[in-house]
Amino acid sequence: MTQPPPHGWHQQPPPPQRPPPGWGPPEPPKKSKAPLVVGILVGVLVLAGVVTGLVLYLSVNQDSGTSKRADKLPALCGNVSEATLAKARTTNPNGLMSRETKLSKGVRTTCSWNQTKGVDGKGHRTTDVSVTNEREEAESAFGRSISMNMANTQGTPLQKPIEGLGDEAVVILVETKSAFTEMSVIVRQGEMIVEVDLSGWDAGLFANTKPDPAELEAAARGVAEEMVAKI
């Protein structure tokens, strides 16, 4: 007879039997890391695209104006009202570019305005006005001003006459390959030549865009009309 083990001792279970080679449950397949790597790469690319788009948007849509200055301009520049400058989106007086210059046969007054931060919107605008007293040479000076603007090599100038402004007047549009656009209104009023140059671009979503020529023309003409009416 088989005797039971002494108290406190136990029989050891028989060792597990390993199945012969080729038998038993198959090992689970190893998971591929390719989908994880692809997912990480896609996430990085998407994040980079979002960051790039955000940087471009903030750069294009930043307020390009400067804080309101108290620059004193020549008295003649006061002919242009604040409301008209607001329509041109240039309410900030630029004293550095404004002056009176004596000529051999007259006087030239230049006035300049740019954008006020938080007031004149996004994009970029600059308004420059030149008023010249040419005495008896006004007609030839008017023609020279037109010729100089039509010789602009930055783009293709387009010219058309303006009715009902001064003795004679033209508007010249210069569009470039970039978003930069310039609108000039040139007026002869007796012996005085008035030239208004309004230039700039608009802010798009991710890049600068060309401004509406009709908007530029209306704003430039408004400045010219006020200046001519008070000289």
C-alpha atoms as a PDB file:
ATOM      1  CA  MET A   1       0.000   0.000   0.000  1.00  0.00           C
ATOM      2  CA  THR A   2       1.041   3.532  -0.719  1.00  0.00           C
ATOM      3  CA  GLN A   3       1.542   5.425   2.485  1.00  0.00           C
ATOM      4  CA  PRO A   4       0.241   8.998   2.738  1.00  0.00           C
ATOM      5  CA  PRO A   5       2.979  11.624   3.068  1.00  0.00           C
ATOM      6  CA  PRO A   6       3.946  12.676   6.540  1.00  0.00           C
ATOM      7  CA  HIS A   7       2.066  15.567   8.072  1.00  0.00           C
ATOM      8  CA  GLY A   8       3.276  18.912   6.712  1.00  0.00           C
ATOM      9  CA  TRP A   9       4.523  17.422   3.486  1.00  0.00           C
ATOM     10  CA  HIS A  10       2.733  17.435   0.251  1.00  0.00           C
ATOM     11  CA  GLN A  11       3.196  15.663  -2.910  1.00  0.00           C
ATOM     12  CA  GLN A  12       4.647  17.840  -5.673  1.00  0.00           C
ATOM     13  CA  PRO A  13       2.424  18.052  -8.714  1.00  0.00           C
ATOM     14  CA  PRO A  14       3.832  16.361 -11.698  1.00  0.00           C
ATOM     15  CA  PRO A  15       5.772  18.743 -13.982  1.00  0.00           C
ATOM     16  CA  PRO A  16       3.743  20.172 -16.875  1.00  0.00           C
ATOM     17  CA  GLN A  17       4.030  18.273 -20.024  1.00  0.00           C
ATOM     18  CA  ARG A  18       5.205  20.360 -22.933  1.00  0.00           C
ATOM     19  CA  PRO A  19       3.571  19.570 -26.196  1.00  0.00           C
ATOM     20  CA  PRO A  20       5.835  18.231 -28.835  1.00  0.00           C
ATOM     21  CA  PRO A  21       7.195  20.748 -31.361  1.00  0.00           C
ATOM     22  CA  GLY A  22       4.551  21.937 -33.799  1.00  0.00           C
ATOM     23  CA  TRP A  23       1.727  21.262 -31.379  1.00  0.00           C
ATOM     24  CA  GLY A  24      -0.158  23.551 -29.036  1.00  0.00           C
ATOM     25  CA  PRO A  25      -1.850  26.973 -29.499  1.00  0.00           C
ATOM     26  CA  PRO A  26      -0.231  29.327 -32.033  1.00  0.00           C
ATOM     27  CA  GLU A  27       1.606  32.428 -30.787  1.00  0.00           C
ATOM     28  CA  PRO A  28      -0.253  35.715 -31.301  1.00  0.00           C
ATOM     29  CA  PRO A  29       1.092  37.741 -34.237  1.00  0.00           C
ATOM     30  CA  LYS A  30       3.318  40.718 -33.438  1.00  0.00           C
ATOM     31  CA  LYS A  31       1.570  44.069 -33.933  1.00  0.00           C
ATOM     32  CA  SER A  32       3.026  46.387 -36.580  1.00  0.00           C
ATOM     33  CA  LYS A  33       4.125  49.855 -35.421  1.00  0.00           C
ATOM     34  CA  ALA A  34       3.612  51.369 -38.892  1.00  0.00           C
ATOM     35  CA  PRO A  35       0.097  52.787 -38.229  1.00  0.00           C
ATOM     36  CA  LEU A  36       1.354  54.479 -35.055  1.00  0.00           C
ATOM     37  CA  VAL A  37       4.314  56.037 -36.869  1.00  0.00           C
ATOM     38  CA  VAL A  38       2.103  57.211 -39.732  1.00  0.00           C
ATOM     39  CA  GLY A  39      -0.383  58.680 -37.264  1.00  0.00           C
ATOM     40  CA  ILE A  40       2.353  60.602 -35.464  1.00  0.00           C
ATOM     41  CA  LEU A  41       3.722  61.954 -38.755  1.00  0.00           C
ATOM     42  CA  VAL A  42       0.266  63.048 -39.894  1.00  0.00           C
ATOM     43  CA  GLY A  43      -0.337  64.751 -36.551  1.00  0.00           C
ATOM     44  CA  VAL A  44       2.989  66.588 -36.779  1.00  0.00           C
ATOM     45  CA  LEU A  45       2.245  67.743 -40.336  1.00  0.00           C
ATOM     46  CA  VAL A  46      -1.245  68.933 -39.403  1.00  0.00           C
ATOM     47  CA  LEU A  47       0.097  70.803 -36.382  1.00  0.00           C
ATOM     48  CA  ALA A  48       2.828  72.410 -38.497  1.00  0.00           C
ATOM     49  CA  GLY A  49       0.228  73.466 -41.055  1.00  0.00           C
ATOM     50  CA  VAL A  50      -1.978  75.010 -38.379  1.00  0.00           C
ATOM     51  CA  VAL A  51       0.958  76.892 -36.860  1.00  0.00           C
ATOM     52  CA  THR A  52       2.105  78.141 -40.277  1.00  0.00           C
ATOM     53  CA  GLY A  53      -1.419  79.250 -41.164  1.00  0.00           C
ATOM     54  CA  LEU A  54      -1.790  81.043 -37.842  1.00  0.00           C
ATOM     55  CA  VAL A  55       1.539  82.848 -38.285  1.00  0.00           C
ATOM     56  CA  LEU A  56       0.588  83.934 -41.820  1.00  0.00           C
ATOM     57  CA  TYR A  57      -2.853  85.090 -40.701  1.00  0.00           C
ATOM     58  CA  LEU A  58      -1.501  87.124 -37.789  1.00  0.00           C
ATOM     59  CA  SER A  59       1.227  88.629 -39.963  1.00  0.00           C
ATOM     60  CA  VAL A  60      -1.167  89.691 -42.734  1.00  0.00           C
ATOM     61  CA  ASN A  61      -3.960  90.867 -40.448  1.00  0.00           C
ATOM     62  CA  GLN A  62      -1.906  92.821 -37.943  1.00  0.00           C
ATOM     63  CA  ASP A  63      -2.738  96.492 -37.503  1.00  0.00           C
ATOM     64  CA  SER A  64      -0.076  98.298 -39.536  1.00  0.00           C
ATOM     65  CA  GLY A  65      -0.936 101.728 -38.143  1.00  0.00           C
ATOM     66  CA  THR A  66       0.975 103.691 -35.525  1.00  0.00           C
ATOM     67  CA  SER A  67      -0.189 105.562 -32.456  1.00  0.00           C
ATOM     68  CA  LYS A  68      -1.880 108.890 -33.145  1.00  0.00           C
ATOM     69  CA  ARG A  69       0.662 111.673 -33.568  1.00  0.00           C
ATOM     70  CA  ALA A  70       0.265 115.402 -33.011  1.00  0.00           C
ATOM     71  CA  ASP A  71       2.488 116.444 -35.936  1.00  0.00           C
ATOM     72  CA  LYS A  72       1.849 119.946 -37.220  1.00  0.00           C
ATOM     73  CA  LEU A  73       1.425 120.108 -40.978  1.00  0.00           C
ATOM     74  CA  PRO A  74       1.504 123.217 -43.202  1.00  0.00           C
ATOM     75  CA  ALA A  75      -1.658 125.303 -42.914  1.00  0.00           C
ATOM     76  CA  LEU A  76      -2.800 124.336 -46.421  1.00  0.00           C
ATOM     77  CA  CYS A  77      -3.012 120.680 -45.338  1.00  0.00           C
ATOM     78  CA  GLY A  78      -5.878 121.640 -43.034  1.00  0.00           C
ATOM     79  CA  ASN A  79      -8.097 121.967 -46.126  1.00  0.00           C
ATOM     80  CA  VAL A  80      -8.612 118.187 -45.920  1.00  0.00           C
ATOM     81  CA  SER A  81     -11.089 117.246 -43.196  1.00  0.00           C
ATOM     82  CA  GLU A  82     -10.744 114.437 -40.679  1.00  0.00           C
ATOM     83  CA  ALA A  83     -13.846 112.774 -42.136  1.00  0.00           C
ATOM     84  CA  THR A  84     -12.323 112.673 -45.623  1.00  0.00           C
ATOM     85  CA  LEU A  85      -9.058 111.314 -44.252  1.00  0.00           C
ATOM     86  CA  ALA A  86     -11.036 108.621 -42.431  1.00  0.00           C
ATOM     87  CA  LYS A  87     -12.557 107.509 -45.751  1.00  0.00           C
ATOM     88  CA  ALA A  88      -9.023 107.256 -47.115  1.00  0.00           C
ATOM     89  CA  ARG A  89      -8.091 105.297 -43.960  1.00  0.00           C
ATOM     90  CA  THR A  90      -5.199 107.676 -43.256  1.00  0.00           C
ATOM     91  CA  THR A  91      -5.939 109.846 -40.220  1.00  0.00           C
ATOM     92  CA  ASN A  92      -2.398 110.043 -38.789  1.00  0.00           C
ATOM     93  CA  PRO A  93      -0.481 113.222 -39.795  1.00  0.00           C
ATOM     94  CA  ASN A  94       3.067 112.618 -40.983  1.00  0.00           C
ATOM     95  CA  GLY A  95       5.099 115.735 -40.280  1.00  0.00           C
ATOM     96  CA  LEU A  96       8.354 114.274 -41.623  1.00  0.00           C
ATOM     97  CA  MET A  97       6.920 114.094 -45.138  1.00  0.00           C
ATOM     98  CA  SER A  98       5.025 117.398 -45.027  1.00  0.00           C
ATOM     99  CA  ARG A  99       6.593 120.770 -45.819  1.00  0.00           C
ATOM    100  CA  GLU A 100       6.491 123.973 -47.827  1.00  0.00           C
ATOM    101  CA  THR A 101       9.167 124.440 -50.499  1.00  0.00           C
ATOM    102  CA  LYS A 102       9.914 127.645 -52.379  1.00  0.00           C
ATOM    103  CA  LEU A 103      10.309 127.240 -56.119  1.00  0.00           C
ATOM    104  CA  SER A 104      11.781 129.627 -58.664  1.00  0.00           C
ATOM    105  CA  LYS A 105       8.273 130.472 -59.831  1.00  0.00           C
ATOM    106  CA  GLY A 106       6.061 129.565 -56.914  1.00  0.00           C
ATOM    107  CA  VAL A 107       5.595 127.422 -53.834  1.00  0.00           C
ATOM    108  CA  ARG A 108       4.976 123.692 -53.383  1.00  0.00           C
ATOM    109  CA  THR A 109       3.194 122.373 -50.299  1.00  0.00           C
ATOM    110  CA  THR A 110       3.278 118.675 -49.507  1.00  0.00           C
ATOM    111  CA  CYS A 111       1.007 116.941 -47.005  1.00  0.00           C
ATOM    112  CA  SER A 112       1.229 113.334 -45.860  1.00  0.00           C
ATOM    113  CA  TRP A 113      -0.895 111.051 -43.725  1.00  0.00           C
ATOM    114  CA  ASN A 114      -0.705 107.369 -42.831  1.00  0.00           C
ATOM    115  CA  GLN A 115      -2.716 105.007 -40.658  1.00  0.00           C
ATOM    116  CA  THR A 116      -3.676 105.412 -37.025  1.00  0.00           C
ATOM    117  CA  LYS A 117      -3.437 102.178 -35.057  1.00  0.00           C
ATOM    118  CA  GLY A 118      -6.820 100.829 -34.007  1.00  0.00           C
ATOM    119  CA  VAL A 119      -8.664 103.362 -36.190  1.00  0.00           C
ATOM    120  CA  ASP A 120      -7.885 102.905 -39.883  1.00  0.00           C
ATOM    121  CA  GLY A 121      -8.247  99.139 -40.179  1.00  0.00           C
ATOM    122  CA  LYS A 122      -5.977  96.386 -41.457  1.00  0.00           C
ATOM    123  CA  GLY A 123      -3.855  96.392 -44.558  1.00  0.00           C
ATOM    124  CA  HIS A 124      -1.915  99.510 -45.501  1.00  0.00           C
ATOM    125  CA  ARG A 125      -2.756 103.009 -46.734  1.00  0.00           C
ATOM    126  CA  THR A 126      -0.765 106.204 -47.345  1.00  0.00           C
ATOM    127  CA  THR A 127      -2.096 109.545 -48.587  1.00  0.00           C
ATOM    128  CA  ASP A 128       0.249 112.157 -50.062  1.00  0.00           C
ATOM    129  CA  VAL A 129      -0.906 115.515 -51.408  1.00  0.00           C
ATOM    130  CA  SER A 130       1.106 118.030 -53.393  1.00  0.00           C
ATOM    131  CA  VAL A 131      -0.166 121.556 -54.107  1.00  0.00           C
ATOM    132  CA  THR A 132       1.970 123.645 -56.446  1.00  0.00           C
ATOM    133  CA  ASN A 133       1.509 127.254 -57.506  1.00  0.00           C
ATOM    134  CA  GLU A 134       2.987 127.283 -61.001  1.00  0.00           C
ATOM    135  CA  ARG A 135       1.764 130.777 -61.929  1.00  0.00           C
ATOM    136  CA  GLU A 136       1.714 131.054 -65.717  1.00  0.00           C
ATOM    137  CA  GLU A 137       3.091 127.542 -66.342  1.00  0.00           C
ATOM    138  CA  ALA A 138       0.231 125.605 -64.792  1.00  0.00           C
ATOM    139  CA  GLU A 139      -0.946 123.950 -68.009  1.00  0.00           C
ATOM    140  CA  SER A 140       2.489 122.602 -68.895  1.00  0.00           C
ATOM    141  CA  ALA A 141       3.032 121.554 -65.266  1.00  0.00           C
ATOM    142  CA  PHE A 142      -0.262 119.670 -65.368  1.00  0.00           C
ATOM    143  CA  GLY A 143       0.933 117.765 -68.444  1.00  0.00           C
ATOM    144  CA  ARG A 144       4.280 116.979 -66.836  1.00  0.00           C
ATOM    145  CA  SER A 145       2.599 115.554 -63.740  1.00  0.00           C
ATOM    146  CA  ILE A 146       0.483 113.259 -65.909  1.00  0.00           C
ATOM    147  CA  SER A 147       3.509 112.140 -67.944  1.00  0.00           C
ATOM    148  CA  MET A 148       5.524 111.348 -64.809  1.00  0.00           C
ATOM    149  CA  ASN A 149       2.728 109.204 -63.388  1.00  0.00           C
ATOM    150  CA  MET A 150       2.173 107.418 -66.701  1.00  0.00           C
ATOM    151  CA  ALA A 151       5.897 106.591 -66.812  1.00  0.00           C
ATOM    152  CA  ASN A 152       5.580 104.497 -63.635  1.00  0.00           C
ATOM    153  CA  THR A 153       7.542 101.294 -64.246  1.00  0.00           C
ATOM    154  CA  GLN A 154       6.206  99.441 -61.185  1.00  0.00           C
ATOM    155  CA  GLY A 155       3.058  98.427 -63.064  1.00  0.00           C
ATOM    156  CA  THR A 156       0.774  99.327 -65.962  1.00  0.00           C
ATOM    157  CA  PRO A 157      -0.687 102.858 -65.554  1.00  0.00           C
ATOM    158  CA  LEU A 158      -4.257 103.445 -66.716  1.00  0.00           C
ATOM    159  CA  GLN A 159      -5.563 106.985 -67.198  1.00  0.00           C
ATOM    160  CA  LYS A 160      -9.022 108.513 -67.537  1.00  0.00           C
ATOM    161  CA  PRO A 161     -10.382 112.078 -67.317  1.00  0.00           C
ATOM    162  CA  ILE A 162     -12.489 113.327 -64.402  1.00  0.00           C
ATOM    163  CA  GLU A 163     -15.435 115.591 -65.099  1.00  0.00           C
ATOM    164  CA  GLY A 164     -16.491 118.384 -62.753  1.00  0.00           C
ATOM    165  CA  LEU A 165     -13.234 118.770 -60.854  1.00  0.00           C
ATOM    166  CA  GLY A 166     -11.153 121.916 -61.357  1.00  0.00           C
ATOM    167  CA  ASP A 167     -10.375 123.252 -64.818  1.00  0.00           C
ATOM    168  CA  GLU A 168      -9.130 119.810 -65.854  1.00  0.00           C
ATOM    169  CA  ALA A 169      -8.415 116.610 -63.997  1.00  0.00           C
ATOM    170  CA  VAL A 170      -7.372 113.000 -64.541  1.00  0.00           C
ATOM    171  CA  VAL A 171      -7.137 109.880 -62.428  1.00  0.00           C
ATOM    172  CA  ILE A 172      -4.328 107.362 -62.935  1.00  0.00           C
ATOM    173  CA  LEU A 173      -4.427 103.810 -61.591  1.00  0.00           C
ATOM    174  CA  VAL A 174      -1.224 101.778 -61.244  1.00  0.00           C
ATOM    175  CA  GLU A 175      -1.645  98.096 -60.410  1.00  0.00           C
ATOM    176  CA  THR A 176       1.472  96.033 -59.810  1.00  0.00           C
ATOM    177  CA  LYS A 177       2.149  92.301 -59.846  1.00  0.00           C
ATOM    178  CA  SER A 178       1.933  92.401 -56.060  1.00  0.00           C
ATOM    179  CA  ALA A 179      -1.034  93.577 -53.997  1.00  0.00           C
ATOM    180  CA  PHE A 180       0.351  97.139 -53.903  1.00  0.00           C
ATOM    181  CA  THR A 181      -1.893  99.569 -55.785  1.00  0.00           C
ATOM    182  CA  GLU A 182      -1.598 103.323 -56.334  1.00  0.00           C
ATOM    183  CA  MET A 183      -4.308 105.812 -57.313  1.00  0.00           C
ATOM    184  CA  SER A 184      -3.399 109.371 -58.327  1.00  0.00           C
ATOM    185  CA  VAL A 185      -5.801 112.259 -58.943  1.00  0.00           C
ATOM    186  CA  ILE A 186      -4.195 115.256 -60.689  1.00  0.00           C
ATOM    187  CA  VAL A 187      -6.112 118.523 -60.926  1.00  0.00           C
ATOM    188  CA  ARG A 188      -5.405 121.926 -62.455  1.00  0.00           C
ATOM    189  CA  GLN A 189      -7.302 124.768 -60.854  1.00  0.00           C
ATOM    190  CA  GLY A 190      -6.190 128.024 -62.419  1.00  0.00           C
ATOM    191  CA  GLU A 191      -2.484 128.374 -61.641  1.00  0.00           C
ATOM    192  CA  MET A 192      -2.579 125.639 -58.988  1.00  0.00           C
ATOM    193  CA  ILE A 193      -1.754 121.974 -59.528  1.00  0.00           C
ATOM    194  CA  VAL A 194      -3.108 119.517 -56.947  1.00  0.00           C
ATOM    195  CA  GLU A 195      -1.941 115.901 -56.947  1.00  0.00           C
ATOM    196  CA  VAL A 196      -3.338 113.307 -54.556  1.00  0.00           C
ATOM    197  CA  ASP A 197      -1.594 109.934 -54.307  1.00  0.00           C
ATOM    198  CA  LEU A 198      -3.382 107.219 -52.354  1.00  0.00           C
ATOM    199  CA  SER A 199      -1.609 103.862 -52.174  1.00  0.00           C
ATOM    200  CA  GLY A 200      -1.605 100.575 -50.288  1.00  0.00           C
ATOM    201  CA  TRP A 201      -3.065  97.092 -50.117  1.00  0.00           C
ATOM    202  CA  ASP A 202      -5.750  95.167 -48.241  1.00  0.00           C
ATOM    203  CA  ALA A 203      -5.370  92.280 -45.798  1.00  0.00           C
ATOM    204  CA  GLY A 204      -6.643  88.931 -47.061  1.00  0.00           C
ATOM    205  CA  LEU A 205      -6.953  85.682 -45.120  1.00  0.00           C
ATOM    206  CA  PHE A 206      -3.371  84.477 -45.495  1.00  0.00           C
ATOM    207  CA  ALA A 207      -1.911  87.035 -47.930  1.00  0.00           C
ATOM    208  CA  ASN A 208      -2.273  90.672 -48.939  1.00  0.00           C
ATOM    209  CA  THR A 209      -4.839  91.432 -51.638  1.00  0.00           C
ATOM    210  CA  LYS A 210      -5.404  94.281 -54.086  1.00  0.00           C
ATOM    211  CA  PRO A 211      -7.780  96.983 -52.861  1.00  0.00           C
ATOM    212  CA  ASP A 212     -10.933  97.873 -54.768  1.00  0.00           C
ATOM    213  CA  PRO A 213      -9.950 100.507 -57.389  1.00  0.00           C
ATOM    214  CA  ALA A 214     -13.356 102.183 -57.071  1.00  0.00           C
ATOM    215  CA  GLU A 215     -12.822 102.601 -53.326  1.00  0.00           C
ATOM    216  CA  LEU A 216      -9.360 104.095 -53.841  1.00  0.00           C
ATOM    217  CA  GLU A 217     -10.614 106.444 -56.549  1.00  0.00           C
ATOM    218  CA  ALA A 218     -13.505 107.705 -54.434  1.00  0.00           C
ATOM    219  CA  ALA A 219     -11.215 108.346 -51.465  1.00  0.00           C
ATOM    220  CA  ALA A 220      -8.524 110.089 -53.538  1.00  0.00           C
ATOM    221  CA  ARG A 221     -11.079 112.192 -55.359  1.00  0.00           C
ATOM    222  CA  GLY A 222     -12.632 113.236 -52.038  1.00  0.00           C
ATOM    223  CA  VAL A 223      -9.264 114.537 -50.843  1.00  0.00           C
ATOM    224  CA  ALA A 224      -8.690 116.391 -54.126  1.00  0.00           C
ATOM    225  CA  GLU A 225     -12.148 117.961 -54.079  1.00  0.00           C
ATOM    226  CA  GLU A 226     -11.682 119.373 -50.586  1.00  0.00           C
ATOM    227  CA  MET A 227      -8.232 120.715 -51.354  1.00  0.00           C
ATOM    228  CA  VAL A 228      -9.310 122.357 -54.610  1.00  0.00           C
ATOM    229  CA  ALA A 229     -12.432 123.873 -53.045  1.00  0.00           C
ATOM    230  CA  LYS A 230     -10.378 125.817 -50.473  1.00  0.00           C
ATOM    231  CA  ILE A 231      -7.392 127.071 -52.449  1.00  0.00           C
END
